[in-house]
Amino acid sequence: MVGERRYCARHRLDLPVYIRYHKRPFLTATARTVSSGGMFLSVKALTLPPGTQIELELRALGKRWLLPAIVIHGDNSGIGVMFQTTQTALFQALIDDTSAAMPPLVAADSTDPLRA
């Protein structure tokens, strides 16, 4: 098995997120990891194939965020999404806010259920 390569650091978090599909709120999920390039979302009973374009709606840092994203992978534990535009400011603010409670993740192999 080939090891997974990451270009962005990931951090754990626990943040409610609405998945919007066709401009309507579709499902509430929980962001479990975040990087400047994407998130891993815990969801139940959701099937969105890779390549599906969605929007993520979240409230963080006193602001409402609406982030276009693409589903990259999914399994029984959730979906990994990639932001269409890198979200460096959001990522930095979230890790500054959560770094005391949750340490950063080290690079993980492809069996990591919290990959993003």
C-alpha atoms as a PDB file:
ATOM      1  CA  MET A   1       0.000   0.000   0.000  1.00  0.00           C
ATOM      2  CA  VAL A   2       1.340   3.428  -0.904  1.00  0.00           C
ATOM      3  CA  GLY A   3       1.619   5.902   1.969  1.00  0.00           C
ATOM      4  CA  GLU A   4      -0.566   8.964   1.891  1.00  0.00           C
ATOM      5  CA  ARG A   5       1.133  12.323   1.307  1.00  0.00           C
ATOM      6  CA  ARG A   6      -0.158  15.477   2.903  1.00  0.00           C
ATOM      7  CA  TYR A   7       0.830  19.008   2.056  1.00  0.00           C
ATOM      8  CA  CYS A   8      -1.185  20.740   4.787  1.00  0.00           C
ATOM      9  CA  ALA A   9      -1.143  20.212   8.546  1.00  0.00           C
ATOM     10  CA  ARG A  10      -4.375  18.921  10.060  1.00  0.00           C
ATOM     11  CA  HIS A  11      -5.867  19.672  13.444  1.00  0.00           C
ATOM     12  CA  ARG A  12      -8.657  17.986  15.337  1.00  0.00           C
ATOM     13  CA  LEU A  13     -11.798  19.870  16.193  1.00  0.00           C
ATOM     14  CA  ASP A  14     -15.463  19.351  16.978  1.00  0.00           C
ATOM     15  CA  LEU A  15     -17.507  21.859  15.004  1.00  0.00           C
ATOM     16  CA  PRO A  16     -21.087  21.629  13.675  1.00  0.00           C
ATOM     17  CA  VAL A  17     -21.290  22.092   9.894  1.00  0.00           C
ATOM     18  CA  TYR A  18     -24.254  22.143   7.514  1.00  0.00           C
ATOM     19  CA  ILE A  19     -23.675  20.455   4.196  1.00  0.00           C
ATOM     20  CA  ARG A  20     -25.522  22.400   1.499  1.00  0.00           C
ATOM     21  CA  TYR A  21     -26.342  20.679  -1.742  1.00  0.00           C
ATOM     22  CA  HIS A  22     -28.085  22.615  -4.538  1.00  0.00           C
ATOM     23  CA  LYS A  23     -28.209  25.729  -2.296  1.00  0.00           C
ATOM     24  CA  ARG A  24     -30.316  24.065   0.400  1.00  0.00           C
ATOM     25  CA  PRO A  25     -29.252  22.832   3.851  1.00  0.00           C
ATOM     26  CA  PHE A  26     -28.962  19.088   3.423  1.00  0.00           C
ATOM     27  CA  LEU A  27     -27.474  17.568   6.500  1.00  0.00           C
ATOM     28  CA  THR A  28     -25.839  18.487   9.763  1.00  0.00           C
ATOM     29  CA  ALA A  29     -22.351  17.078  10.134  1.00  0.00           C
ATOM     30  CA  THR A  30     -19.485  17.480  12.571  1.00  0.00           C
ATOM     31  CA  ALA A  31     -16.064  18.600  11.394  1.00  0.00           C
ATOM     32  CA  ARG A  32     -13.489  16.295  13.029  1.00  0.00           C
ATOM     33  CA  THR A  33     -10.304  17.485  11.350  1.00  0.00           C
ATOM     34  CA  VAL A  34      -9.455  20.611   9.407  1.00  0.00           C
ATOM     35  CA  SER A  35      -6.600  21.780   7.231  1.00  0.00           C
ATOM     36  CA  SER A  36      -6.288  24.859   5.070  1.00  0.00           C
ATOM     37  CA  GLY A  37      -7.267  22.603   2.149  1.00  0.00           C
ATOM     38  CA  GLY A  38     -10.250  20.676   3.527  1.00  0.00           C
ATOM     39  CA  MET A  39     -12.139  18.905   6.309  1.00  0.00           C
ATOM     40  CA  PHE A  40     -13.202  15.467   7.400  1.00  0.00           C
ATOM     41  CA  LEU A  41     -16.882  15.471   8.359  1.00  0.00           C
ATOM     42  CA  SER A  42     -18.593  12.846  10.495  1.00  0.00           C
ATOM     43  CA  VAL A  43     -21.998  12.130   9.011  1.00  0.00           C
ATOM     44  CA  LYS A  44     -24.603   9.416   9.316  1.00  0.00           C
ATOM     45  CA  ALA A  45     -26.405   7.785   6.413  1.00  0.00           C
ATOM     46  CA  LEU A  46     -24.954  10.017   3.729  1.00  0.00           C
ATOM     47  CA  THR A  47     -23.892   8.935   0.278  1.00  0.00           C
ATOM     48  CA  LEU A  48     -22.236  11.583  -1.849  1.00  0.00           C
ATOM     49  CA  PRO A  49     -19.933  10.260  -4.538  1.00  0.00           C
ATOM     50  CA  PRO A  50     -16.449  11.694  -5.035  1.00  0.00           C
ATOM     51  CA  GLY A  51     -16.562  14.788  -7.229  1.00  0.00           C
ATOM     52  CA  THR A  52     -19.884  16.038  -5.842  1.00  0.00           C
ATOM     53  CA  GLN A  53     -19.826  19.817  -5.395  1.00  0.00           C
ATOM     54  CA  ILE A  54     -21.243  21.025  -2.091  1.00  0.00           C
ATOM     55  CA  GLU A  55     -21.101  24.045   0.163  1.00  0.00           C
ATOM     56  CA  LEU A  56     -20.209  23.934   3.837  1.00  0.00           C
ATOM     57  CA  GLU A  57     -21.975  26.367   6.109  1.00  0.00           C
ATOM     58  CA  LEU A  58     -20.497  26.924   9.544  1.00  0.00           C
ATOM     59  CA  ARG A  59     -20.381  29.515  12.268  1.00  0.00           C
ATOM     60  CA  ALA A  60     -17.000  30.100  13.796  1.00  0.00           C
ATOM     61  CA  LEU A  61     -14.992  32.972  15.167  1.00  0.00           C
ATOM     62  CA  GLY A  62     -18.051  35.233  15.295  1.00  0.00           C
ATOM     63  CA  LYS A  63     -18.709  34.860  11.587  1.00  0.00           C
ATOM     64  CA  ARG A  64     -20.840  32.786   9.175  1.00  0.00           C
ATOM     65  CA  TRP A  65     -18.738  30.938   6.591  1.00  0.00           C
ATOM     66  CA  LEU A  66     -20.049  29.501   3.327  1.00  0.00           C
ATOM     67  CA  LEU A  67     -17.294  27.460   1.692  1.00  0.00           C
ATOM     68  CA  PRO A  68     -17.557  25.760  -1.710  1.00  0.00           C
ATOM     69  CA  ALA A  69     -16.053  22.272  -1.523  1.00  0.00           C
ATOM     70  CA  ILE A  70     -15.775  18.999  -3.414  1.00  0.00           C
ATOM     71  CA  VAL A  71     -16.286  15.523  -1.934  1.00  0.00           C
ATOM     72  CA  ILE A  72     -12.987  13.620  -2.226  1.00  0.00           C
ATOM     73  CA  HIS A  73     -13.806  10.364  -0.433  1.00  0.00           C
ATOM     74  CA  GLY A  74     -16.388   8.819   1.836  1.00  0.00           C
ATOM     75  CA  ASP A  75     -16.986   5.759   3.959  1.00  0.00           C
ATOM     76  CA  ASN A  76     -19.213   4.681   6.849  1.00  0.00           C
ATOM     77  CA  SER A  77     -17.545   7.165   9.210  1.00  0.00           C
ATOM     78  CA  GLY A  78     -17.942  10.285   7.077  1.00  0.00           C
ATOM     79  CA  ILE A  79     -16.669  12.247   4.104  1.00  0.00           C
ATOM     80  CA  GLY A  80     -13.472  14.053   3.260  1.00  0.00           C
ATOM     81  CA  VAL A  81     -13.904  17.315   1.396  1.00  0.00           C
ATOM     82  CA  MET A  82     -11.505  19.658  -0.327  1.00  0.00           C
ATOM     83  CA  PHE A  83     -12.160  23.386  -0.285  1.00  0.00           C
ATOM     84  CA  GLN A  84     -12.311  24.935  -3.748  1.00  0.00           C
ATOM     85  CA  THR A  85     -10.159  27.778  -2.409  1.00  0.00           C
ATOM     86  CA  THR A  86      -7.538  27.329   0.302  1.00  0.00           C
ATOM     87  CA  GLN A  87      -8.859  28.647   3.633  1.00  0.00           C
ATOM     88  CA  THR A  88      -5.663  29.686   5.401  1.00  0.00           C
ATOM     89  CA  ALA A  89      -7.273  32.412   7.555  1.00  0.00           C
ATOM     90  CA  LEU A  90     -10.069  30.118   8.761  1.00  0.00           C
ATOM     91  CA  PHE A  91      -7.632  27.277   9.443  1.00  0.00           C
ATOM     92  CA  GLN A  92      -5.228  29.471  11.407  1.00  0.00           C
ATOM     93  CA  ALA A  93      -8.016  31.030  13.471  1.00  0.00           C
ATOM     94  CA  LEU A  94      -9.573  27.627  14.235  1.00  0.00           C
ATOM     95  CA  ILE A  95      -6.297  26.069  15.354  1.00  0.00           C
ATOM     96  CA  ASP A  96      -5.455  29.120  17.462  1.00  0.00           C
ATOM     97  CA  ASP A  97      -8.856  28.731  19.113  1.00  0.00           C
ATOM     98  CA  THR A  98      -8.626  24.945  19.650  1.00  0.00           C
ATOM     99  CA  SER A  99      -4.899  24.298  20.030  1.00  0.00           C
ATOM    100  CA  ALA A 100      -4.994  24.263  23.826  1.00  0.00           C
ATOM    101  CA  ALA A 101      -7.563  21.452  23.871  1.00  0.00           C
ATOM    102  CA  MET A 102      -6.613  19.355  20.846  1.00  0.00           C
ATOM    103  CA  PRO A 103      -3.084  18.636  19.622  1.00  0.00           C
ATOM    104  CA  PRO A 104      -2.253  18.582  15.913  1.00  0.00           C
ATOM    105  CA  LEU A 105      -2.384  15.299  14.033  1.00  0.00           C
ATOM    106  CA  VAL A 106       0.795  13.842  12.653  1.00  0.00           C
ATOM    107  CA  ALA A 107       0.854  12.614   9.076  1.00  0.00           C
ATOM    108  CA  ALA A 108      -1.218   9.457   8.920  1.00  0.00           C
ATOM    109  CA  ASP A 109      -1.548   6.591   6.523  1.00  0.00           C
ATOM    110  CA  SER A 110      -4.624   6.012   4.388  1.00  0.00           C
ATOM    111  CA  THR A 111      -6.277   3.832   7.054  1.00  0.00           C
ATOM    112  CA  ASP A 112      -6.739   6.841   9.349  1.00  0.00           C
ATOM    113  CA  PRO A 113     -10.531   7.353   9.686  1.00  0.00           C
ATOM    114  CA  LEU A 114     -10.023  11.047  10.394  1.00  0.00           C
ATOM    115  CA  ARG A 115      -8.227  11.883   7.183  1.00  0.00           C
ATOM    116  CA  ALA A 116      -9.311  15.106   5.497  1.00  0.00           C
END
